[in-house]
Protein backbone atom coordinates (compact mmCIF):
# COMPACT_ATOMS: atom_id res chain seq x y z
CA MET A 1 28.07 -25.76 -9.47
CA ASP A 2 31.45 -24.47 -8.27
CA LYS A 3 31.54 -21.08 -6.55
CA PRO A 4 33.93 -18.35 -7.71
CA ALA A 5 37.09 -17.63 -5.72
CA GLY A 6 36.37 -15.54 -2.63
CA TYR A 7 32.69 -16.57 -2.39
CA PHE A 8 33.11 -17.97 1.12
CA SER A 9 35.62 -15.39 2.42
CA ASN A 10 34.03 -12.11 1.32
CA VAL A 11 34.36 -9.23 3.79
CA ARG A 12 31.22 -7.12 3.36
CA GLU A 13 32.47 -3.58 3.87
CA GLU A 14 29.19 -2.05 2.73
CA MET A 15 27.43 -3.73 5.65
CA ALA A 16 29.62 -2.09 8.31
CA THR A 17 27.39 0.98 8.44
CA PHE A 18 24.50 -1.17 9.69
CA LEU A 19 26.30 -2.56 12.73
CA PRO A 20 24.99 -1.41 16.11
CA GLU A 21 27.00 0.94 18.28
CA LYS A 22 27.44 -1.83 20.86
CA ILE A 23 28.09 -4.94 18.85
CA GLY A 24 28.42 -7.29 21.86
CA VAL A 25 28.39 -11.05 21.26
CA VAL A 26 28.02 -11.82 17.54
CA LEU A 27 26.55 -14.78 15.67
CA GLU A 28 27.00 -14.99 11.89
CA ILE A 29 24.78 -17.48 10.11
CA GLY A 30 26.41 -18.62 6.91
CA CYS A 31 29.87 -17.47 8.01
CA GLY A 32 31.70 -19.24 5.18
CA GLU A 33 35.43 -19.30 5.88
CA GLY A 34 34.90 -16.75 8.63
CA GLY A 35 36.40 -13.73 6.84
CA TYR A 36 33.72 -11.20 7.77
CA ALA A 37 33.20 -12.51 11.31
CA ALA A 38 36.97 -12.59 11.94
CA HIS A 39 37.17 -8.99 10.73
CA LEU A 40 34.53 -8.00 13.31
CA LYS A 41 36.34 -9.94 16.04
CA LYS A 42 39.56 -8.09 15.25
CA MET A 43 37.97 -4.64 14.91
CA TYR A 44 35.64 -4.78 17.95
CA HIS A 45 37.45 -7.32 20.17
CA CYS A 46 34.15 -9.17 20.54
CA GLU A 47 33.11 -12.79 20.98
CA VAL A 48 32.02 -14.21 17.61
CA TRP A 49 30.21 -17.44 16.82
CA GLY A 50 29.44 -18.84 13.37
CA ILE A 51 27.16 -21.35 11.68
CA GLU A 52 28.26 -22.78 8.33
CA TYR A 53 26.66 -25.47 6.20
CA GLU A 54 29.78 -26.44 4.24
CA GLU A 55 32.21 -28.54 6.29
CA THR A 56 35.44 -27.39 4.57
CA GLN A 57 34.62 -23.72 4.97
CA GLY A 58 33.28 -24.27 8.51
CA ASN A 59 36.53 -25.93 9.59
CA GLN A 60 38.45 -22.97 8.25
CA ALA A 61 36.17 -20.54 10.11
CA ALA A 62 36.66 -22.52 13.33
CA LYS A 63 40.33 -21.52 13.28
CA LEU A 64 39.37 -17.85 13.39
CA LEU A 65 36.22 -17.59 15.50
CA ASP A 66 35.32 -18.44 19.11
CA LYS A 67 32.90 -21.22 18.18
CA VAL A 68 31.57 -22.58 14.88
CA LEU A 69 28.68 -25.02 14.40
CA ILE A 70 28.82 -26.93 11.11
CA GLY A 71 25.67 -28.20 9.42
CA ASP A 72 22.11 -27.18 8.61
CA ALA A 73 21.12 -23.96 10.41
CA HIS A 74 17.54 -25.14 10.76
CA GLY A 75 18.63 -27.69 13.38
CA LEU A 76 21.70 -25.97 14.79
CA ILE A 77 19.80 -22.89 15.97
CA ASP A 78 18.29 -25.04 18.70
CA LEU A 79 21.77 -25.84 20.05
CA LEU A 80 22.65 -22.20 20.67
CA PRO A 81 22.43 -20.74 24.20
CA ASP A 82 19.33 -18.72 25.01
CA ASN A 83 19.42 -14.97 25.61
CA TYR A 84 23.07 -14.83 24.58
CA PHE A 85 23.66 -12.88 21.34
CA ASP A 86 23.61 -9.10 20.85
CA THR A 87 24.07 -9.13 17.09
CA VAL A 88 23.05 -11.78 14.56
CA ILE A 89 24.34 -11.37 11.02
CA CYS A 90 22.72 -12.98 8.01
CA ASN A 91 24.58 -11.65 4.99
CA ASP A 92 23.22 -13.26 1.81
CA VAL A 93 22.15 -16.42 3.58
CA LEU A 94 18.39 -16.33 4.21
CA GLU A 95 17.69 -16.87 0.52
CA HIS A 96 19.63 -20.17 0.74
CA LEU A 97 17.39 -21.57 3.48
CA TYR A 98 14.22 -23.54 2.89
CA ASP A 99 12.54 -21.99 5.91
CA PRO A 100 14.11 -18.62 6.77
CA TYR A 101 10.86 -17.70 8.52
CA SER A 102 11.32 -20.32 11.29
CA ILE A 103 15.03 -19.43 11.56
CA LEU A 104 14.13 -15.84 12.35
CA SER A 105 11.46 -16.98 14.77
CA LYS A 106 13.86 -19.32 16.62
CA LEU A 107 16.54 -16.64 16.83
CA LYS A 108 14.38 -14.50 19.07
CA MET A 109 15.04 -16.87 21.99
CA LYS A 110 18.76 -16.80 21.37
CA MET A 111 19.12 -13.03 21.36
CA LYS A 112 19.26 -10.60 24.27
CA PRO A 113 16.20 -8.34 24.64
CA GLU A 114 17.78 -5.47 22.69
CA GLY A 115 19.58 -7.72 20.22
CA LYS A 116 19.49 -7.03 16.53
CA VAL A 117 19.43 -9.08 13.33
CA ILE A 118 21.28 -7.61 10.38
CA SER A 119 20.74 -9.08 6.94
CA SER A 120 21.65 -8.56 3.33
CA ILE A 121 19.17 -10.16 0.92
CA PRO A 122 19.27 -10.17 -2.92
CA ASN A 123 16.59 -8.16 -4.68
CA ILE A 124 14.74 -10.28 -7.25
CA ARG A 125 13.48 -7.06 -8.85
CA TYR A 126 17.03 -5.88 -9.64
CA PHE A 127 16.73 -4.47 -13.15
CA ARG A 128 19.00 -6.94 -14.91
CA THR A 129 17.05 -9.92 -13.55
CA PHE A 130 13.74 -8.12 -13.92
CA PHE A 131 14.38 -6.99 -17.52
CA ALA A 132 15.64 -10.46 -18.56
CA LEU A 133 12.35 -11.97 -17.36
CA LEU A 134 10.10 -9.16 -18.61
CA PHE A 135 11.60 -8.57 -22.06
CA LYS A 136 13.55 -11.76 -22.87
CA LYS A 137 11.48 -14.34 -20.96
CA GLN A 138 14.71 -15.56 -19.35
CA TRP A 139 15.20 -16.98 -15.90
CA ASP A 140 18.66 -18.51 -16.02
CA TYR A 141 20.37 -19.74 -12.88
CA GLN A 142 24.05 -18.94 -12.42
CA ALA A 143 27.04 -19.82 -10.21
CA ASN A 144 26.48 -16.71 -8.09
CA GLY A 145 24.45 -13.52 -8.01
CA ILE A 146 20.69 -13.00 -7.64
CA LEU A 147 19.83 -16.18 -9.56
CA ASP A 148 22.45 -18.25 -7.75
CA ILE A 149 21.58 -21.87 -8.38
CA THR A 150 21.62 -22.53 -4.62
CA HIS A 151 18.95 -19.91 -3.85
CA VAL A 152 15.68 -21.48 -2.79
CA ARG A 153 13.87 -18.29 -1.76
CA PHE A 154 13.49 -15.00 -3.60
CA PHE A 155 12.60 -11.62 -2.10
CA THR A 156 11.48 -8.12 -2.92
CA THR A 157 11.88 -5.11 -0.66
CA LYS A 158 8.30 -5.52 0.57
CA SER A 159 8.51 -9.26 1.18
CA ILE A 160 11.68 -8.82 3.25
CA ILE A 161 9.90 -6.40 5.57
CA LYS A 162 6.86 -8.68 5.74
CA MET A 163 9.03 -11.69 6.62
CA TYR A 164 10.57 -9.88 9.57
CA GLU A 165 7.27 -8.48 10.81
CA ASN A 166 5.49 -11.85 10.57
CA ALA A 167 8.36 -13.40 12.57
CA GLY A 168 7.81 -10.89 15.38
CA TYR A 169 10.39 -8.25 14.61
CA GLN A 170 10.32 -4.49 14.23
CA VAL A 171 12.26 -3.30 11.22
CA LEU A 172 14.55 -0.42 12.28
CA ILE A 173 16.45 0.11 9.02
CA HIS A 174 15.70 -1.11 5.51
CA LYS A 175 17.83 0.25 2.70
CA GLY A 176 18.93 -0.67 -0.82
CA ILE A 177 22.64 -1.36 -1.23
CA ASN A 178 25.08 -1.93 -4.09
CA ALA A 179 23.13 0.26 -6.50
CA SER A 180 23.84 -0.10 -10.20
CA LYS A 181 25.61 2.77 -11.92
CA SER A 182 23.65 2.09 -15.10
CA ILE A 183 21.24 4.79 -16.32
CA LYS A 184 18.71 2.12 -17.40
CA PRO A 185 16.90 1.60 -14.05
CA VAL A 186 16.77 5.35 -13.50
CA LEU A 187 15.15 6.00 -16.89
CA PHE A 188 12.74 3.08 -16.48
CA ASN A 189 11.71 4.37 -13.07
CA MET A 190 11.06 7.84 -14.50
CA LEU A 191 9.02 6.35 -17.32
CA MET A 192 6.96 4.39 -14.79
CA LEU A 193 6.33 7.47 -12.60
CA GLY A 194 8.57 6.39 -9.75
CA PHE A 195 7.05 2.96 -9.06
CA PHE A 196 10.32 1.14 -9.81
CA SER A 197 12.82 2.95 -7.60
CA ASP A 198 13.87 -0.39 -6.07
CA ILE A 199 15.15 -2.02 -9.27
CA LYS A 200 18.55 -0.33 -9.18
CA TYR A 201 19.59 -2.16 -6.02
CA ILE A 202 21.25 -5.59 -6.05
CA GLN A 203 20.43 -6.20 -2.41
CA PHE A 204 18.54 -4.78 0.54
CA ALA A 205 20.13 -4.38 3.97
CA THR A 206 17.82 -4.71 6.96
CA VAL A 207 18.27 -4.17 10.70
CA ALA A 208 15.52 -5.59 12.87
CA GLN A 209 14.86 -5.98 16.58
CA VAL A 210 12.49 -8.31 18.42
CA LYS A 211 9.14 -6.65 18.96
CA HIS A 212 8.32 -6.55 22.68
């Protein structure tokens, strides 16, 4: 299924607040055409690497970044230098991987001791997806969004934290982002006595550090 224009070049401004004070050497997994990583390189004058599965987008990113590896991240992680990266960015990519758990585990060797992983992961309990399943019995894949047809893993706020902790990380920040402006999730949460406060968020941003 074809992706909408801008899918591979999106600059995630809402993720800027989660960047560490000292960004250092950066690796972006799923860098697409390199738009976000190139933005970081320009803003912070840092060394930036990328990993991209799609060859066309990866070749474009290679024109903008210091080094780009093209192919399946599961194997390419092993080719990265050890103890090298200060910041690893996984914006809306872990849900595309068959084994994000081993990816996170492998990354620990590639990061400096105080290095951080920053991720944005879609929330399967987002109210539009949740209500469609609960009330309409619908689970319809789409070209993009939470039910993107290329997603092979689905996460809740709790399962994101559990994934990081099981991989040997300490979660420093975990916060809902891109909240809906609709009143529906707010009213539903009130009706359910506050147990559904997470359903208004499209994604969750997480910052994690290797547990020593």
